[in-house]
Amino acid sequence: YLVDLDAMALDDPALDVGATLWWYYPE
């Protein structure tokens, strides 16, 4: 589940994807 939706907005998909990749996946 995804929680804490306060920061949601129409935005560049690179924001969510970049944070996920950089913090949690090897390149």
PDB file of all heavy atoms in Angstrom:
ATOM      1  N   TYR A   1       0.843  -1.186   0.000  1.00  0.00           N
ATOM      2  CA  TYR A   1       0.000   0.000   0.000  1.00  0.00           C
ATOM      3  C   TYR A   1       0.885   1.244   0.000  1.00  0.00           C
ATOM      4  O   TYR A   1       1.947   1.275   0.643  1.00  0.00           O
ATOM      5  CB  TYR A   1      -0.880   0.053   1.250  1.00  0.00           C
ATOM      6  CG  TYR A   1      -1.974  -0.976   1.322  1.00  0.00           C
ATOM      7  CD1 TYR A   1      -1.886  -2.051   2.207  1.00  0.00           C
ATOM      8  CD2 TYR A   1      -3.114  -0.875   0.526  1.00  0.00           C
ATOM      9  CE1 TYR A   1      -2.898  -2.994   2.289  1.00  0.00           C
ATOM     10  CE2 TYR A   1      -4.132  -1.807   0.599  1.00  0.00           C
ATOM     11  CZ  TYR A   1      -4.024  -2.869   1.487  1.00  0.00           C
ATOM     12  OH  TYR A   1      -5.031  -3.791   1.568  1.00  0.00           O
ATOM     13  N   LEU A   2       0.426   2.279  -0.697  1.00  0.00           N
ATOM     14  CA  LEU A   2       1.040   3.596  -0.618  1.00  0.00           C
ATOM     15  C   LEU A   2       0.235   4.448   0.355  1.00  0.00           C
ATOM     16  O   LEU A   2      -0.998   4.471   0.301  1.00  0.00           O
ATOM     17  CB  LEU A   2       1.047   4.268  -1.987  1.00  0.00           C
ATOM     18  CG  LEU A   2       2.264   3.983  -2.859  1.00  0.00           C
ATOM     19  CD1 LEU A   2       1.992   4.402  -4.296  1.00  0.00           C
ATOM     20  CD2 LEU A   2       3.494   4.694  -2.315  1.00  0.00           C
ATOM     21  N   VAL A   3       0.935   5.141   1.256  1.00  0.00           N
ATOM     22  CA  VAL A   3       0.274   5.975   2.249  1.00  0.00           C
ATOM     23  C   VAL A   3       0.899   7.367   2.234  1.00  0.00           C
ATOM     24  O   VAL A   3       1.842   7.627   1.506  1.00  0.00           O
ATOM     25  CB  VAL A   3       0.368   5.337   3.659  1.00  0.00           C
ATOM     26  CG1 VAL A   3      -0.338   3.989   3.674  1.00  0.00           C
ATOM     27  CG2 VAL A   3       1.831   5.175   4.091  1.00  0.00           C
ATOM     28  N   ASP A   4       0.343   8.256   3.038  1.00  0.00           N
ATOM     29  CA  ASP A   4       0.771   9.657   3.118  1.00  0.00           C
ATOM     30  C   ASP A   4       0.731  10.293   1.729  1.00  0.00           C
ATOM     31  O   ASP A   4       1.747  10.468   1.061  1.00  0.00           O
ATOM     32  CB  ASP A   4       2.160   9.784   3.727  1.00  0.00           C
ATOM     33  CG  ASP A   4       2.457  11.225   4.140  1.00  0.00           C
ATOM     34  OD1 ASP A   4       1.659  12.123   3.799  1.00  0.00           O
ATOM     35  OD2 ASP A   4       3.476  11.464   4.808  1.00  0.00           O
ATOM     36  N   LEU A   5      -0.473  10.662   1.301  1.00  0.00           N
ATOM     37  CA  LEU A   5      -0.706  11.156  -0.051  1.00  0.00           C
ATOM     38  C   LEU A   5      -0.732  12.680  -0.132  1.00  0.00           C
ATOM     39  O   LEU A   5      -1.175  13.238  -1.127  1.00  0.00           O
ATOM     40  CB  LEU A   5      -2.027  10.579  -0.580  1.00  0.00           C
ATOM     41  CG  LEU A   5      -2.196   9.062  -0.437  1.00  0.00           C
ATOM     42  CD1 LEU A   5      -3.554   8.629  -0.999  1.00  0.00           C
ATOM     43  CD2 LEU A   5      -1.059   8.299  -1.106  1.00  0.00           C
ATOM     44  N   ASP A   6      -0.236  13.350   0.902  1.00  0.00           N
ATOM     45  CA  ASP A   6      -0.328  14.813   0.965  1.00  0.00           C
ATOM     46  C   ASP A   6       0.443  15.508  -0.144  1.00  0.00           C
ATOM     47  O   ASP A   6       0.072  16.602  -0.573  1.00  0.00           O
ATOM     48  CB  ASP A   6       0.177  15.322   2.321  1.00  0.00           C
ATOM     49  CG  ASP A   6      -0.639  14.795   3.486  1.00  0.00           C
ATOM     50  OD1 ASP A   6      -1.845  14.562   3.297  1.00  0.00           O
ATOM     51  OD2 ASP A   6      -0.073  14.612   4.577  1.00  0.00           O
ATOM     52  N   ALA A   7       1.548  14.915  -0.593  1.00  0.00           N
ATOM     53  CA  ALA A   7       2.395  15.574  -1.594  1.00  0.00           C
ATOM     54  C   ALA A   7       1.989  15.243  -3.026  1.00  0.00           C
ATOM     55  O   ALA A   7       2.651  15.697  -3.967  1.00  0.00           O
ATOM     56  CB  ALA A   7       3.858  15.180  -1.379  1.00  0.00           C
ATOM     57  N   MET A   8       0.918  14.502  -3.231  1.00  0.00           N
ATOM     58  CA  MET A   8       0.525  14.119  -4.582  1.00  0.00           C
ATOM     59  C   MET A   8       0.204  15.332  -5.438  1.00  0.00           C
ATOM     60  O   MET A   8      -0.361  16.310  -4.958  1.00  0.00           O
ATOM     61  CB  MET A   8      -0.677  13.176  -4.552  1.00  0.00           C
ATOM     62  CG  MET A   8      -0.354  11.778  -4.076  1.00  0.00           C
ATOM     63  SD  MET A   8      -1.694  10.593  -4.414  1.00  0.00           S
ATOM     64  CE  MET A   8      -1.441  10.313  -6.174  1.00  0.00           C
ATOM     65  N   ALA A   9       0.578  15.232  -6.701  1.00  0.00           N
ATOM     66  CA  ALA A   9       0.335  16.327  -7.649  1.00  0.00           C
ATOM     67  C   ALA A   9       0.499  15.782  -9.059  1.00  0.00           C
ATOM     68  O   ALA A   9       1.059  14.697  -9.262  1.00  0.00           O
ATOM     69  CB  ALA A   9       1.326  17.466  -7.412  1.00  0.00           C
ATOM     70  N   LEU A  10       0.012  16.536 -10.032  1.00  0.00           N
ATOM     71  CA  LEU A  10       0.333  16.236 -11.422  1.00  0.00           C
ATOM     72  C   LEU A  10       1.784  16.648 -11.645  1.00  0.00           C
ATOM     73  O   LEU A  10       2.130  17.820 -11.491  1.00  0.00           O
ATOM     74  CB  LEU A  10      -0.594  16.988 -12.367  1.00  0.00           C
ATOM     75  CG  LEU A  10      -2.061  16.557 -12.335  1.00  0.00           C
ATOM     76  CD1 LEU A  10      -2.880  17.403 -13.288  1.00  0.00           C
ATOM     77  CD2 LEU A  10      -2.206  15.080 -12.671  1.00  0.00           C
ATOM     78  N   ASP A  11       2.634  15.693 -11.975  1.00  0.00           N
ATOM     79  CA  ASP A  11       4.061  15.987 -12.021  1.00  0.00           C
ATOM     80  C   ASP A  11       4.759  15.063 -13.002  1.00  0.00           C
ATOM     81  O   ASP A  11       4.159  14.150 -13.578  1.00  0.00           O
ATOM     82  CB  ASP A  11       4.669  15.847 -10.619  1.00  0.00           C
ATOM     83  CG  ASP A  11       5.829  16.810 -10.384  1.00  0.00           C
ATOM     84  OD1 ASP A  11       6.562  17.098 -11.350  1.00  0.00           O
ATOM     85  OD2 ASP A  11       6.008  17.266  -9.235  1.00  0.00           O
ATOM     86  N   ASP A  12       6.045  15.320 -13.155  1.00  0.00           N
ATOM     87  CA  ASP A  12       6.905  14.536 -14.020  1.00  0.00           C
ATOM     88  C   ASP A  12       7.040  13.120 -13.439  1.00  0.00           C
ATOM     89  O   ASP A  12       7.382  12.962 -12.268  1.00  0.00           O
ATOM     90  CB  ASP A  12       8.273  15.218 -14.066  1.00  0.00           C
ATOM     91  CG  ASP A  12       9.218  14.626 -15.086  1.00  0.00           C
ATOM     92  OD1 ASP A  12       9.057  13.448 -15.453  1.00  0.00           O
ATOM     93  OD2 ASP A  12      10.155  15.349 -15.492  1.00  0.00           O
ATOM     94  N   PRO A  13       6.790  12.077 -14.239  1.00  0.00           N
ATOM     95  CA  PRO A  13       6.954  10.716 -13.715  1.00  0.00           C
ATOM     96  C   PRO A  13       8.376  10.424 -13.250  1.00  0.00           C
ATOM     97  O   PRO A  13       8.597   9.535 -12.417  1.00  0.00           O
ATOM     98  CB  PRO A  13       6.573   9.821 -14.894  1.00  0.00           C
ATOM     99  CG  PRO A  13       6.700  10.691 -16.107  1.00  0.00           C
ATOM    100  CD  PRO A  13       6.337  12.067 -15.640  1.00  0.00           C
ATOM    101  N   ALA A  14       9.346  11.186 -13.737  1.00  0.00           N
ATOM    102  CA  ALA A  14      10.737  10.971 -13.335  1.00  0.00           C
ATOM    103  C   ALA A  14      10.951  11.257 -11.848  1.00  0.00           C
ATOM    104  O   ALA A  14      11.928  10.769 -11.265  1.00  0.00           O
ATOM    105  CB  ALA A  14      11.659  11.860 -14.172  1.00  0.00           C
ATOM    106  N   LEU A  15      10.052  12.023 -11.220  1.00  0.00           N
ATOM    107  CA  LEU A  15      10.200  12.306  -9.791  1.00  0.00           C
ATOM    108  C   LEU A  15      10.030  11.031  -8.975  1.00  0.00           C
ATOM    109  O   LEU A  15      10.912  10.648  -8.197  1.00  0.00           O
ATOM    110  CB  LEU A  15       9.177  13.358  -9.369  1.00  0.00           C
ATOM    111  CG  LEU A  15       9.037  13.611  -7.864  1.00  0.00           C
ATOM    112  CD1 LEU A  15      10.352  14.075  -7.254  1.00  0.00           C
ATOM    113  CD2 LEU A  15       7.934  14.635  -7.602  1.00  0.00           C
ATOM    114  N   ASP A  16       8.897  10.332  -9.128  1.00  0.00           N
ATOM    115  CA  ASP A  16       8.656   9.097  -8.376  1.00  0.00           C
ATOM    116  C   ASP A  16       9.632   8.000  -8.774  1.00  0.00           C
ATOM    117  O   ASP A  16      10.175   7.288  -7.922  1.00  0.00           O
ATOM    118  CB  ASP A  16       7.234   8.593  -8.619  1.00  0.00           C
ATOM    119  CG  ASP A  16       6.174   9.390  -7.876  1.00  0.00           C
ATOM    120  OD1 ASP A  16       6.512  10.137  -6.947  1.00  0.00           O
ATOM    121  OD2 ASP A  16       4.984   9.246  -8.235  1.00  0.00           O
ATOM    122  N   VAL A  17       9.852   7.855 -10.070  1.00  0.00           N
ATOM    123  CA  VAL A  17      10.694   6.762 -10.546  1.00  0.00           C
ATOM    124  C   VAL A  17      12.141   6.978 -10.107  1.00  0.00           C
ATOM    125  O   VAL A  17      12.810   6.044  -9.640  1.00  0.00           O
ATOM    126  CB  VAL A  17      10.598   6.633 -12.073  1.00  0.00           C
ATOM    127  CG1 VAL A  17      11.603   5.610 -12.601  1.00  0.00           C
ATOM    128  CG2 VAL A  17       9.186   6.230 -12.478  1.00  0.00           C
ATOM    129  N   GLY A  18      12.630   8.201 -10.226  1.00  0.00           N
ATOM    130  CA  GLY A  18      14.014   8.476  -9.844  1.00  0.00           C
ATOM    131  C   GLY A  18      14.278   8.226  -8.379  1.00  0.00           C
ATOM    132  O   GLY A  18      15.295   7.624  -8.004  1.00  0.00           O
ATOM    133  N   ALA A  19      13.361   8.679  -7.508  1.00  0.00           N
ATOM    134  CA  ALA A  19      13.540   8.461  -6.079  1.00  0.00           C
ATOM    135  C   ALA A  19      13.537   6.975  -5.753  1.00  0.00           C
ATOM    136  O   ALA A  19      14.345   6.489  -4.943  1.00  0.00           O
ATOM    137  CB  ALA A  19      12.438   9.181  -5.302  1.00  0.00           C
ATOM    138  N   THR A  20      12.640   6.226  -6.384  1.00  0.00           N
ATOM    139  CA  THR A  20      12.557   4.784  -6.134  1.00  0.00           C
ATOM    140  C   THR A  20      13.830   4.080  -6.581  1.00  0.00           C
ATOM    141  O   THR A  20      14.401   3.253  -5.841  1.00  0.00           O
ATOM    142  CB  THR A  20      11.336   4.193  -6.866  1.00  0.00           C
ATOM    143  OG1 THR A  20      10.148   4.856  -6.409  1.00  0.00           O
ATOM    144  CG2 THR A  20      11.211   2.706  -6.595  1.00  0.00           C
ATOM    145  N   LEU A  21      14.295   4.393  -7.772  1.00  0.00           N
ATOM    146  CA  LEU A  21      15.494   3.730  -8.286  1.00  0.00           C
ATOM    147  C   LEU A  21      16.714   4.072  -7.442  1.00  0.00           C
ATOM    148  O   LEU A  21      17.494   3.193  -7.061  1.00  0.00           O
ATOM    149  CB  LEU A  21      15.727   4.130  -9.748  1.00  0.00           C
ATOM    150  CG  LEU A  21      14.711   3.610 -10.768  1.00  0.00           C
ATOM    151  CD1 LEU A  21      15.049   4.134 -12.156  1.00  0.00           C
ATOM    152  CD2 LEU A  21      14.662   2.094 -10.755  1.00  0.00           C
ATOM    153  N   TRP A  22      16.921   5.336  -7.161  1.00  0.00           N
ATOM    154  CA  TRP A  22      18.164   5.770  -6.503  1.00  0.00           C
ATOM    155  C   TRP A  22      18.270   5.246  -5.080  1.00  0.00           C
ATOM    156  O   TRP A  22      19.342   4.865  -4.632  1.00  0.00           O
ATOM    157  CB  TRP A  22      18.247   7.294  -6.530  1.00  0.00           C
ATOM    158  CG  TRP A  22      19.571   7.851  -6.121  1.00  0.00           C
ATOM    159  CD1 TRP A  22      20.751   7.770  -6.805  1.00  0.00           C
ATOM    160  CD2 TRP A  22      19.842   8.612  -4.946  1.00  0.00           C
ATOM    161  NE1 TRP A  22      21.744   8.438  -6.130  1.00  0.00           N
ATOM    162  CE2 TRP A  22      21.212   8.967  -4.985  1.00  0.00           C
ATOM    163  CE3 TRP A  22      19.072   9.048  -3.866  1.00  0.00           C
ATOM    164  CZ2 TRP A  22      21.822   9.722  -3.992  1.00  0.00           C
ATOM    165  CZ3 TRP A  22      19.667   9.800  -2.881  1.00  0.00           C
ATOM    166  CH2 TRP A  22      21.026  10.139  -2.934  1.00  0.00           C
ATOM    167  N   TRP A  23      17.156   5.238  -4.380  1.00  0.00           N
ATOM    168  CA  TRP A  23      17.198   4.819  -2.987  1.00  0.00           C
ATOM    169  C   TRP A  23      17.190   3.302  -2.823  1.00  0.00           C
ATOM    170  O   TRP A  23      17.760   2.792  -1.854  1.00  0.00           O
ATOM    171  CB  TRP A  23      16.023   5.418  -2.223  1.00  0.00           C
ATOM    172  CG  TRP A  23      16.290   6.785  -1.671  1.00  0.00           C
ATOM    173  CD1 TRP A  23      17.437   7.234  -1.085  1.00  0.00           C
ATOM    174  CD2 TRP A  23      15.391   7.890  -1.657  1.00  0.00           C
ATOM    175  NE1 TRP A  23      17.314   8.545  -0.715  1.00  0.00           N
ATOM    176  CE2 TRP A  23      16.064   8.979  -1.057  1.00  0.00           C
ATOM    177  CE3 TRP A  23      14.074   8.069  -2.090  1.00  0.00           C
ATOM    178  CZ2 TRP A  23      15.469  10.222  -0.866  1.00  0.00           C
ATOM    179  CZ3 TRP A  23      13.479   9.315  -1.903  1.00  0.00           C
ATOM    180  CH2 TRP A  23      14.172  10.370  -1.305  1.00  0.00           C
ATOM    181  N   TYR A  24      16.561   2.573  -3.733  1.00  0.00           N
ATOM    182  CA  TYR A  24      16.261   1.170  -3.412  1.00  0.00           C
ATOM    183  C   TYR A  24      16.720   0.128  -4.415  1.00  0.00           C
ATOM    184  O   TYR A  24      16.594  -1.067  -4.133  1.00  0.00           O
ATOM    185  CB  TYR A  24      14.747   1.017  -3.180  1.00  0.00           C
ATOM    186  CG  TYR A  24      14.239   2.024  -2.173  1.00  0.00           C
ATOM    187  CD1 TYR A  24      13.311   2.991  -2.521  1.00  0.00           C
ATOM    188  CD2 TYR A  24      14.731   2.020  -0.874  1.00  0.00           C
ATOM    189  CE1 TYR A  24      12.872   3.939  -1.605  1.00  0.00           C
ATOM    190  CE2 TYR A  24      14.306   2.964   0.051  1.00  0.00           C
ATOM    191  CZ  TYR A  24      13.377   3.918  -0.327  1.00  0.00           C
ATOM    192  OH  TYR A  24      12.961   4.860   0.584  1.00  0.00           O
ATOM    193  N   TYR A  25      17.262   0.518  -5.562  1.00  0.00           N
ATOM    194  CA  TYR A  25      17.658  -0.477  -6.554  1.00  0.00           C
ATOM    195  C   TYR A  25      19.095  -0.240  -7.017  1.00  0.00           C
ATOM    196  O   TYR A  25      19.495   0.910  -7.254  1.00  0.00           O
ATOM    197  CB  TYR A  25      16.730  -0.420  -7.774  1.00  0.00           C
ATOM    198  CG  TYR A  25      15.347  -0.952  -7.505  1.00  0.00           C
ATOM    199  CD1 TYR A  25      14.290  -0.089  -7.259  1.00  0.00           C
ATOM    200  CD2 TYR A  25      15.107  -2.324  -7.479  1.00  0.00           C
ATOM    201  CE1 TYR A  25      13.013  -0.573  -6.986  1.00  0.00           C
ATOM    202  CE2 TYR A  25      13.837  -2.824  -7.214  1.00  0.00           C
ATOM    203  CZ  TYR A  25      12.798  -1.943  -6.965  1.00  0.00           C
ATOM    204  OH  TYR A  25      11.550  -2.430  -6.691  1.00  0.00           O
ATOM    205  N   PRO A  26      19.851  -1.322  -7.219  1.00  0.00           N
ATOM    206  CA  PRO A  26      21.163  -1.159  -7.854  1.00  0.00           C
ATOM    207  C   PRO A  26      20.965  -0.752  -9.313  1.00  0.00           C
ATOM    208  O   PRO A  26      19.960  -1.089  -9.940  1.00  0.00           O
ATOM    209  CB  PRO A  26      21.777  -2.558  -7.737  1.00  0.00           C
ATOM    210  CG  PRO A  26      20.611  -3.491  -7.636  1.00  0.00           C
ATOM    211  CD  PRO A  26      19.539  -2.723  -6.906  1.00  0.00           C
ATOM    212  N   GLU A  27      21.935  -0.057  -9.862  1.00  0.00           N
ATOM    213  CA  GLU A  27      21.755   0.524 -11.193  1.00  0.00           C
ATOM    214  C   GLU A  27      21.535  -0.539 -12.274  1.00  0.00           C
ATOM    215  O   GLU A  27      20.885  -0.262 -13.284  1.00  0.00           O
ATOM    216  CB  GLU A  27      22.949   1.403 -11.559  1.00  0.00           C
ATOM    217  CG  GLU A  27      22.710   2.234 -12.802  1.00  0.00           C
ATOM    218  CD  GLU A  27      23.704   3.358 -12.981  1.00  0.00           C
ATOM    219  OE1 GLU A  27      24.585   3.516 -12.128  1.00  0.00           O
ATOM    220  OE2 GLU A  27      23.578   4.079 -13.991  1.00  0.00           O
TER     221      GLU A  27
END
